[in-house]
Amino acid sequence: MGNFTSAGMQNDLAWHREVLPNGLTVLSYPRVEGKTAQLSVAVKYGSDDDTEGKLGIAHFLEHMLAGGSKARINLHKQIENIGGISNFESSPEFTLCTADVLPGKLAEGARVLSGLLFDSAFEAEKLEIERKVILNEIAEVEDDPANKAHETLAKCLFKNHPIRNSTLGTRKTVKQFTMKDLETAYRDHYSSANMILILTGSFTAQDTEAALNEFRGRERGKIFQRTECVEESKPDREKVSKRAGLNQAYLSFGSRTAPTADADTPALDIIDTLLGNGESSRLFVELREKNALTYYFDTMNVTGSDFGYFAVNCAVKTKALCKTRAIIEKQLSDLKEGELTEEELQRCKNLVIADLLRGMDSNQALPELLVAEEIVFKNAYSLCEYRDAITSLTKEEVVAAANKYFQEDNYSTSIVVPKE
């Protein structure tokens, strides 16, 4: 969230960071007010690392961790014996496995996750079961017109960068994966040198040591180096698709922006908040309060280590599409012309910082937040620096960022309309 330094840095958002001899990075952020403990392991391997012919294999492998054999299934269920819940998820840049357990049970949770992550045995029968489950998952996503519009927007904005691809892969690729494909992907990426272990919530130094003992002897393995992709193509202006059974049109409008570590990211996050965060946001007032064009909409500044894009998503009547897009572009144009008060800017700063703190307070959001920071910055103070950067932002810097990224020839629009 911005690579910055500040002389007045506050360290309350910092965590402890160390790297074990086997290459495993360990991040710990105890919360004295926490009532449970979370142990998470991130593998620095996500859908952006899938090759064109193997789209979705990182996600498929995530499914196999907990469901790829009878032994894995039985081991995974042991998390519930210690009062725990688990979550396994895939993202463009990492795979994250989390166990949220009773205090004092971190070592047992670590034993389960360590076993699931480092046992390379998979069974053909379970592969076929997970294949069917994933195809169902793809079908659910494809049935959602809002998701379809947003995925198409990514394809309009990016011609070469893998962020244009679905994390789930395609029906074609998922149907073709073999056991050898999965075993190769596992062997290439699942090693301690490519993992980040995160401890959050309520735990002691003794809990930490006992949990780390479950990982110390694991093989270091080779370090996977992600290939950075720089998108230089011009985005597609607009793509429209038709779907039967809809009552409204689904609009996604956006522009490419900057990666996480870029100096413009704090300003772009302020713009995101100004336009779409809360009932005071400009687009809430214009799209809903004044014109009643939509029930729900969102804005987002999505960033990763080598990509960024801004998007506005909403559902409106087909006849209101042009008006809706004109309102969105008008708000961006006004901002580029400098229409931003100090009162608005301070409100947005407060909201951005509060959202960050809410993420730090969330058992579910915190591990993912720390992983994203570690992958980009490898710096335990990066969130402190981000908060300082938000606090010190000026109106001129926000307006400059708007003019840099929100130009007519950078805009893309994706629309899903009812089929007559």
Protein backbone atom coordinates (compact mmCIF):
# COMPACT_ATOMS: atom_id res chain seq x y z
CA MET A 1 0.00 0.00 0.00
CA GLY A 2 2.71 2.49 -0.83
CA ASN A 3 6.47 2.42 -0.33
CA PHE A 4 7.05 5.39 1.96
CA THR A 5 9.13 6.62 4.87
CA SER A 6 8.16 9.04 7.61
CA ALA A 7 10.18 10.58 10.43
CA GLY A 8 7.11 10.53 12.68
CA MET A 9 6.31 6.86 12.08
CA GLN A 10 4.08 5.22 14.67
CA ASN A 11 4.80 1.56 15.21
CA ASP A 12 1.48 0.31 16.55
CA LEU A 13 0.64 -1.26 13.16
CA ALA A 14 3.99 -3.05 12.90
CA TRP A 15 4.43 -6.79 13.40
CA HIS A 16 7.38 -9.02 14.27
CA ARG A 17 9.11 -10.50 11.23
CA GLU A 18 11.77 -13.21 11.02
CA VAL A 19 13.02 -15.73 8.49
CA LEU A 20 13.82 -19.25 9.70
CA PRO A 21 16.92 -21.13 8.44
CA ASN A 22 14.72 -23.18 6.08
CA GLY A 23 13.51 -19.98 4.37
CA LEU A 24 10.07 -19.82 6.02
CA THR A 25 9.06 -16.22 6.72
CA VAL A 26 7.22 -15.80 10.03
CA LEU A 27 5.01 -12.80 10.83
CA SER A 28 3.45 -12.44 14.28
CA TYR A 29 0.95 -9.82 15.42
CA PRO A 30 -0.53 -10.70 18.83
CA ARG A 31 -3.74 -8.97 19.86
CA VAL A 32 -4.16 -8.90 23.64
CA GLU A 33 -7.89 -8.33 23.26
CA GLY A 34 -8.29 -11.36 20.98
CA LYS A 35 -10.37 -14.31 22.17
CA THR A 36 -9.08 -16.85 19.64
CA ALA A 37 -5.78 -17.48 17.85
CA GLN A 38 -5.15 -17.66 14.12
CA LEU A 39 -2.40 -19.55 12.35
CA SER A 40 -2.20 -18.91 8.62
CA VAL A 41 0.20 -20.11 5.96
CA ALA A 42 0.47 -18.37 2.61
CA VAL A 43 2.14 -20.00 -0.38
CA LYS A 44 3.55 -17.41 -2.76
CA TYR A 45 1.78 -19.05 -5.67
CA GLY A 46 -1.47 -17.78 -7.16
CA SER A 47 -3.45 -17.63 -10.37
CA ASP A 48 -1.15 -14.97 -11.85
CA ASP A 49 1.51 -17.70 -11.91
CA ASP A 50 -0.63 -20.08 -13.99
CA THR A 51 0.59 -20.52 -17.55
CA GLU A 52 -1.86 -20.07 -20.41
CA GLY A 53 -2.48 -23.79 -20.84
CA LYS A 54 -2.81 -24.40 -17.10
CA LEU A 55 -5.20 -21.64 -16.03
CA GLY A 56 -6.73 -22.49 -12.66
CA ILE A 57 -4.16 -25.04 -11.53
CA ALA A 58 -3.09 -23.00 -8.47
CA HIS A 59 -6.74 -22.93 -7.37
CA PHE A 60 -7.18 -26.64 -8.13
CA LEU A 61 -4.16 -27.43 -5.98
CA GLU A 62 -5.63 -25.37 -3.13
CA HIS A 63 -8.70 -27.64 -3.25
CA MET A 64 -6.49 -30.72 -3.16
CA LEU A 65 -4.71 -29.60 0.02
CA ALA A 66 -7.72 -30.39 2.20
CA GLY A 67 -9.61 -32.80 -0.06
CA GLY A 68 -6.98 -34.59 -2.15
CA SER A 69 -6.91 -37.87 -0.21
CA LYS A 70 -8.74 -39.66 2.59
CA ALA A 71 -5.82 -38.96 4.93
CA ARG A 72 -5.94 -35.26 4.09
CA ILE A 73 -9.68 -35.08 4.69
CA ASN A 74 -9.33 -36.78 8.09
CA LEU A 75 -6.43 -34.54 9.08
CA HIS A 76 -8.27 -31.40 8.01
CA LYS A 77 -11.32 -32.30 10.11
CA GLN A 78 -9.14 -32.39 13.23
CA ILE A 79 -9.16 -28.58 13.28
CA GLU A 80 -12.77 -28.78 14.49
CA ASN A 81 -11.69 -30.99 17.40
CA ILE A 82 -9.79 -28.03 18.87
CA GLY A 83 -12.66 -25.58 18.44
CA GLY A 84 -11.31 -24.35 15.14
CA ILE A 85 -12.63 -23.26 11.80
CA SER A 86 -10.52 -23.24 8.66
CA ASN A 87 -10.44 -21.38 5.39
CA PHE A 88 -8.51 -22.11 2.21
CA GLU A 89 -8.52 -19.53 -0.58
CA SER A 90 -6.72 -18.65 -3.78
CA SER A 91 -5.86 -15.20 -5.06
CA PRO A 92 -3.83 -13.84 -7.99
CA GLU A 93 -0.57 -13.79 -6.00
CA PHE A 94 -0.88 -16.34 -3.20
CA THR A 95 -2.76 -19.28 -1.73
CA LEU A 96 -3.80 -18.80 1.90
CA CYS A 97 -4.68 -21.48 4.47
CA THR A 98 -5.98 -20.38 7.89
CA ALA A 99 -6.97 -22.14 11.09
CA ASP A 100 -8.79 -20.05 13.73
CA VAL A 101 -8.58 -22.01 17.01
CA LEU A 102 -8.99 -21.77 20.76
CA PRO A 103 -6.17 -20.03 22.65
CA GLY A 104 -3.43 -22.50 23.53
CA LYS A 105 -4.24 -24.71 20.53
CA LEU A 106 -1.88 -23.11 17.99
CA ALA A 107 0.55 -26.04 18.06
CA GLU A 108 -2.23 -28.48 17.19
CA GLY A 109 -3.46 -26.19 14.42
CA ALA A 110 0.11 -25.91 13.15
CA ARG A 111 0.44 -29.71 13.07
CA VAL A 112 -2.66 -29.93 10.87
CA LEU A 113 -1.67 -27.17 8.44
CA SER A 114 1.91 -28.38 8.24
CA GLY A 115 0.71 -31.88 7.40
CA LEU A 116 -1.67 -30.62 4.71
CA LEU A 117 0.91 -28.33 3.11
CA PHE A 118 3.87 -30.71 3.07
CA ASP A 119 2.21 -34.07 2.33
CA SER A 120 2.54 -34.46 -1.44
CA ALA A 121 0.29 -37.54 -1.65
CA PHE A 122 -2.92 -37.14 -3.69
CA GLU A 123 -5.46 -39.77 -4.76
CA ALA A 124 -6.93 -40.07 -8.26
CA GLU A 125 -10.44 -40.63 -6.91
CA LYS A 126 -10.33 -37.42 -4.91
CA LEU A 127 -8.89 -35.51 -7.87
CA GLU A 128 -12.02 -36.35 -9.86
CA ILE A 129 -14.28 -35.33 -6.98
CA GLU A 130 -12.54 -31.96 -6.62
CA ARG A 131 -12.69 -31.48 -10.39
CA LYS A 132 -16.49 -31.75 -10.24
CA VAL A 133 -16.64 -29.41 -7.25
CA ILE A 134 -14.57 -26.79 -9.07
CA LEU A 135 -16.68 -27.05 -12.21
CA ASN A 136 -19.71 -26.36 -10.01
CA GLU A 137 -17.86 -23.39 -8.54
CA ILE A 138 -17.13 -22.05 -12.04
CA ALA A 139 -20.81 -22.47 -12.97
CA GLU A 140 -21.91 -20.47 -9.92
CA VAL A 141 -19.58 -17.64 -10.83
CA GLU A 142 -20.66 -17.69 -14.46
CA ASP A 143 -24.30 -17.42 -13.37
CA ASP A 144 -23.60 -14.08 -11.67
CA PRO A 145 -23.96 -11.23 -14.20
CA ALA A 146 -22.20 -8.73 -11.91
CA ASN A 147 -19.18 -11.01 -11.75
CA LYS A 148 -19.32 -11.50 -15.52
CA ALA A 149 -19.26 -7.75 -16.09
CA HIS A 150 -16.30 -7.28 -13.74
CA GLU A 151 -14.30 -10.17 -15.22
CA THR A 152 -14.87 -8.78 -18.70
CA LEU A 153 -13.70 -5.36 -17.55
CA ALA A 154 -10.39 -6.93 -16.48
CA LYS A 155 -10.05 -8.46 -19.94
CA CYS A 156 -10.74 -5.06 -21.51
CA LEU A 157 -8.13 -3.35 -19.37
CA PHE A 158 -5.41 -6.00 -19.64
CA LYS A 159 -4.42 -7.80 -22.84
CA ASN A 160 -1.28 -9.50 -21.52
CA HIS A 161 -1.25 -9.41 -17.73
CA PRO A 162 -2.61 -12.61 -16.10
CA ILE A 163 -4.91 -10.58 -13.83
CA ARG A 164 -7.26 -10.70 -16.82
CA ASN A 165 -7.83 -14.41 -16.15
CA SER A 166 -10.22 -15.94 -13.64
CA THR A 167 -8.60 -17.40 -10.52
CA LEU A 168 -10.74 -20.50 -11.06
CA GLY A 169 -9.47 -21.19 -14.56
CA THR A 170 -11.79 -22.27 -17.36
CA ARG A 171 -13.98 -25.30 -17.85
CA LYS A 172 -11.61 -26.48 -20.57
CA THR A 173 -8.43 -26.25 -18.51
CA VAL A 174 -9.99 -27.70 -15.35
CA LYS A 175 -11.28 -30.70 -17.30
CA GLN A 176 -7.79 -31.37 -18.67
CA PHE A 177 -5.66 -31.29 -15.50
CA THR A 178 -3.90 -34.57 -14.73
CA MET A 179 -2.36 -35.89 -11.54
CA LYS A 180 1.06 -35.18 -13.05
CA ASP A 181 0.08 -31.53 -13.61
CA LEU A 182 -0.87 -31.12 -9.95
CA GLU A 183 2.16 -32.95 -8.63
CA THR A 184 4.45 -30.79 -10.78
CA ALA A 185 2.80 -27.57 -9.58
CA TYR A 186 3.06 -28.80 -5.99
CA ARG A 187 6.73 -29.72 -6.34
CA ASP A 188 7.59 -26.37 -7.94
CA HIS A 189 5.87 -24.14 -5.37
CA TYR A 190 5.13 -25.86 -2.06
CA SER A 191 8.37 -25.47 -0.13
CA SER A 192 9.14 -23.58 3.07
CA ALA A 193 11.18 -20.98 1.16
CA ASN A 194 8.01 -20.00 -0.72
CA MET A 195 5.79 -19.79 2.36
CA ILE A 196 4.79 -17.16 4.91
CA LEU A 197 3.51 -18.23 8.32
CA ILE A 198 1.33 -15.69 10.15
CA LEU A 199 0.35 -15.78 13.82
CA THR A 200 -2.41 -13.40 14.96
CA GLY A 201 -4.85 -13.14 17.85
CA SER A 202 -4.31 -14.44 21.38
CA PHE A 203 -1.09 -16.42 21.85
CA THR A 204 2.02 -16.57 24.02
CA ALA A 205 5.72 -16.93 23.26
CA GLN A 206 5.40 -20.60 24.22
CA ASP A 207 2.53 -21.02 21.73
CA THR A 208 4.68 -19.47 19.03
CA GLU A 209 7.61 -21.76 19.70
CA ALA A 210 5.42 -24.87 19.73
CA ALA A 211 3.77 -23.84 16.43
CA LEU A 212 7.09 -23.08 14.74
CA ASN A 213 8.44 -26.48 15.75
CA GLU A 214 5.89 -28.02 13.37
CA PHE A 215 7.58 -26.19 10.48
CA ARG A 216 11.28 -25.95 11.36
CA GLY A 217 12.22 -29.33 9.91
CA ARG A 218 10.38 -28.87 6.64
CA GLU A 219 12.46 -28.85 3.47
CA ARG A 220 13.54 -25.43 2.23
CA GLY A 221 13.15 -26.23 -1.46
CA LYS A 222 13.84 -23.85 -4.33
CA ILE A 223 12.60 -20.28 -4.36
CA PHE A 224 10.01 -19.50 -7.01
CA GLN A 225 10.57 -16.19 -8.78
CA ARG A 226 7.51 -14.55 -10.25
CA THR A 227 7.96 -12.96 -13.68
CA GLU A 228 6.81 -9.36 -13.60
CA CYS A 229 4.39 -8.38 -16.35
CA VAL A 230 4.16 -4.78 -17.54
CA GLU A 231 0.97 -4.01 -19.47
CA GLU A 232 1.58 -1.54 -22.28
CA SER A 233 -1.35 -2.20 -24.62
CA LYS A 234 -4.26 0.20 -24.97
CA PRO A 235 -7.44 -1.00 -23.26
CA ASP A 236 -10.55 -1.97 -25.19
CA ARG A 237 -13.16 0.77 -25.05
CA GLU A 238 -16.29 -1.33 -24.50
CA LYS A 239 -17.63 -4.85 -24.56
CA VAL A 240 -21.32 -5.71 -24.38
CA SER A 241 -22.82 -9.15 -23.85
CA LYS A 242 -26.44 -10.30 -23.64
CA ARG A 243 -27.99 -12.72 -21.18
CA ALA A 244 -31.52 -14.04 -20.88
CA GLY A 245 -33.46 -13.76 -17.64
CA LEU A 246 -32.10 -10.41 -16.47
CA ASN A 247 -34.19 -7.46 -15.33
CA GLN A 248 -31.33 -4.98 -15.29
CA ALA A 249 -28.06 -4.24 -17.02
CA TYR A 250 -24.77 -4.75 -15.17
CA LEU A 251 -22.09 -2.12 -15.68
CA SER A 252 -18.39 -2.19 -14.85
CA PHE A 253 -16.43 0.92 -15.71
CA GLY A 254 -12.74 1.42 -15.03
CA SER A 255 -9.18 2.35 -15.84
CA ARG A 256 -5.73 0.88 -15.25
CA THR A 257 -3.96 2.49 -12.30
CA ALA A 258 -0.76 1.65 -10.35
CA PRO A 259 0.69 -1.33 -8.44
CA THR A 260 0.60 -1.53 -4.65
CA ALA A 261 4.06 -0.08 -4.04
CA ASP A 262 3.61 2.90 -6.36
CA ALA A 263 3.77 6.35 -4.74
CA ASP A 264 0.35 7.17 -6.28
CA THR A 265 -1.49 4.35 -4.50
CA PRO A 266 -2.50 6.34 -1.38
CA ALA A 267 -4.01 9.07 -3.56
CA LEU A 268 -5.87 6.47 -5.61
CA ASP A 269 -7.23 4.92 -2.41
CA ILE A 270 -8.48 8.37 -1.40
CA ILE A 271 -10.20 8.73 -4.79
CA ASP A 272 -11.79 5.31 -4.35
CA THR A 273 -13.16 6.44 -0.98
CA LEU A 274 -14.26 9.85 -2.26
CA LEU A 275 -16.31 8.28 -5.02
CA GLY A 276 -17.69 5.15 -3.44
CA ASN A 277 -17.15 4.66 0.30
CA GLY A 278 -20.23 5.40 2.38
CA GLU A 279 -23.40 7.42 2.01
CA SER A 280 -21.43 10.65 1.81
CA SER A 281 -19.52 9.46 -1.25
CA ARG A 282 -20.05 11.33 -4.49
CA LEU A 283 -21.39 8.40 -6.47
CA PHE A 284 -23.79 7.35 -3.69
CA VAL A 285 -25.22 10.85 -3.72
CA GLU A 286 -25.40 11.08 -7.52
CA LEU A 287 -26.39 7.54 -8.53
CA ARG A 288 -28.70 6.65 -5.67
CA GLU A 289 -29.72 9.64 -3.57
CA LYS A 290 -30.39 12.11 -6.39
CA ASN A 291 -31.22 9.92 -9.39
CA ALA A 292 -32.31 6.54 -7.93
CA LEU A 293 -30.42 4.75 -10.71
CA THR A 294 -29.17 1.80 -8.68
CA TYR A 295 -29.68 -0.03 -5.40
CA TYR A 296 -26.12 -1.21 -4.82
CA PHE A 297 -22.84 -0.13 -6.34
CA ASP A 298 -19.19 -0.30 -5.38
CA THR A 299 -15.88 1.22 -6.33
CA MET A 300 -12.49 -0.40 -5.89
CA ASN A 301 -8.84 0.35 -6.44
CA VAL A 302 -7.44 -3.15 -6.94
CA THR A 303 -3.66 -3.50 -6.67
CA GLY A 304 -0.97 -6.18 -6.74
CA SER A 305 2.79 -6.36 -7.02
CA ASP A 306 2.76 -5.48 -10.73
CA PHE A 307 -0.77 -4.32 -11.59
CA GLY A 308 -3.50 -1.94 -10.53
CA TYR A 309 -6.94 -0.94 -11.76
CA PHE A 310 -9.89 1.16 -10.64
CA ALA A 311 -13.47 -0.03 -11.15
CA VAL A 312 -17.04 1.12 -10.57
CA ASN A 313 -19.65 -1.67 -10.58
CA CYS A 314 -23.43 -1.28 -10.50
CA ALA A 315 -26.75 -2.60 -11.83
CA VAL A 316 -29.12 -0.21 -13.59
CA LYS A 317 -31.98 -0.23 -16.05
CA THR A 318 -30.75 -0.68 -19.61
CA LYS A 319 -32.15 2.69 -20.66
CA ALA A 320 -30.16 4.35 -17.85
CA LEU A 321 -26.74 3.01 -18.91
CA CYS A 322 -25.65 6.13 -20.78
CA LYS A 323 -26.77 8.42 -17.98
CA THR A 324 -25.01 6.30 -15.37
CA ARG A 325 -21.73 6.24 -17.25
CA ALA A 326 -21.96 9.99 -17.86
CA ILE A 327 -22.38 10.61 -14.11
CA ILE A 328 -19.33 8.48 -13.32
CA GLU A 329 -17.18 10.24 -15.90
CA LYS A 330 -18.46 13.65 -14.73
CA GLN A 331 -17.36 12.92 -11.17
CA LEU A 332 -13.88 11.97 -12.38
CA SER A 333 -13.74 15.06 -14.59
CA ASP A 334 -14.72 17.32 -11.69
CA LEU A 335 -11.99 15.84 -9.55
CA LYS A 336 -9.40 16.31 -12.30
CA GLU A 337 -10.38 19.99 -12.42
CA GLY A 338 -9.61 20.32 -8.72
CA GLU A 339 -13.08 20.10 -7.19
CA LEU A 340 -12.03 18.69 -3.82
CA THR A 341 -12.47 20.49 -0.52
CA GLU A 342 -10.21 20.10 2.51
CA GLU A 343 -13.24 18.85 4.44
CA GLU A 344 -13.84 16.10 1.86
CA LEU A 345 -10.18 15.17 1.85
CA GLN A 346 -10.05 14.86 5.63
CA ARG A 347 -13.23 12.77 5.68
CA CYS A 348 -11.69 10.40 3.13
CA LYS A 349 -8.44 10.18 5.09
CA ASN A 350 -10.40 9.25 8.22
CA LEU A 351 -12.34 6.58 6.32
CA VAL A 352 -9.24 5.04 4.71
CA ILE A 353 -7.38 4.86 8.01
CA ALA A 354 -10.45 3.51 9.82
CA ASP A 355 -10.89 0.80 7.17
CA LEU A 356 -7.24 -0.14 7.64
CA LEU A 357 -7.70 -0.39 11.42
CA ARG A 358 -10.88 -2.45 10.98
CA GLY A 359 -8.86 -4.84 8.86
CA MET A 360 -6.29 -5.11 11.62
CA ASP A 361 -9.12 -5.86 14.08
CA SER A 362 -10.59 -8.61 11.90
CA ASN A 363 -9.57 -12.22 12.50
CA GLN A 364 -10.26 -13.02 8.86
CA ALA A 365 -8.88 -9.90 7.15
CA LEU A 366 -5.68 -9.46 9.16
CA PRO A 367 -3.71 -12.53 7.93
CA GLU A 368 -4.51 -11.71 4.30
CA LEU A 369 -3.51 -8.09 4.82
CA LEU A 370 -0.15 -9.05 6.34
CA VAL A 371 0.56 -11.54 3.55
CA ALA A 372 -0.14 -8.95 0.85
CA GLU A 373 2.20 -6.50 2.58
CA GLU A 374 4.96 -9.09 2.99
CA ILE A 375 4.87 -10.16 -0.65
CA VAL A 376 5.28 -6.58 -1.89
CA PHE A 377 7.38 -4.88 0.79
CA LYS A 378 9.05 -7.47 3.08
CA ASN A 379 8.83 -4.70 5.66
CA ALA A 380 7.11 -4.96 9.06
CA TYR A 381 6.49 -1.19 9.08
CA SER A 382 4.79 -0.86 5.69
CA LEU A 383 1.32 -0.19 7.13
CA CYS A 384 2.72 2.45 9.48
CA GLU A 385 4.28 4.11 6.46
CA TYR A 386 1.05 3.81 4.48
CA ARG A 387 -0.94 5.47 7.24
CA ASP A 388 1.61 8.29 7.39
CA ALA A 389 1.38 8.70 3.62
CA ILE A 390 -2.43 8.95 3.79
CA THR A 391 -2.23 11.47 6.62
CA SER A 392 0.18 13.74 4.76
CA LEU A 393 -1.58 13.68 1.36
CA THR A 394 -2.46 17.05 -0.12
CA LYS A 395 -5.33 18.03 -2.37
CA GLU A 396 -2.85 18.73 -5.15
CA GLU A 397 -1.45 15.18 -4.98
CA VAL A 398 -4.92 13.65 -5.20
CA VAL A 399 -5.90 15.83 -8.17
CA ALA A 400 -2.58 15.04 -9.90
CA ALA A 401 -3.23 11.30 -9.54
CA ALA A 402 -6.73 11.71 -10.98
CA ASN A 403 -5.31 13.51 -14.02
CA LYS A 404 -2.60 10.90 -14.47
CA TYR A 405 -4.85 7.82 -14.57
CA PHE A 406 -8.37 8.93 -15.49
CA GLN A 407 -8.08 9.91 -19.13
CA GLU A 408 -10.66 9.20 -21.80
CA ASP A 409 -8.41 6.87 -23.79
CA ASN A 410 -7.67 4.80 -20.65
CA TYR A 411 -11.32 4.06 -19.85
CA SER A 412 -12.97 0.69 -20.42
CA THR A 413 -16.59 -0.33 -20.01
CA SER A 414 -18.09 -3.81 -19.71
CA ILE A 415 -21.86 -4.26 -19.84
CA VAL A 416 -24.14 -7.30 -19.50
CA VAL A 417 -27.64 -6.47 -20.77
CA PRO A 418 -30.90 -8.44 -20.78
CA LYS A 419 -31.44 -10.54 -23.87
CA GLU A 420 -34.73 -9.65 -25.50
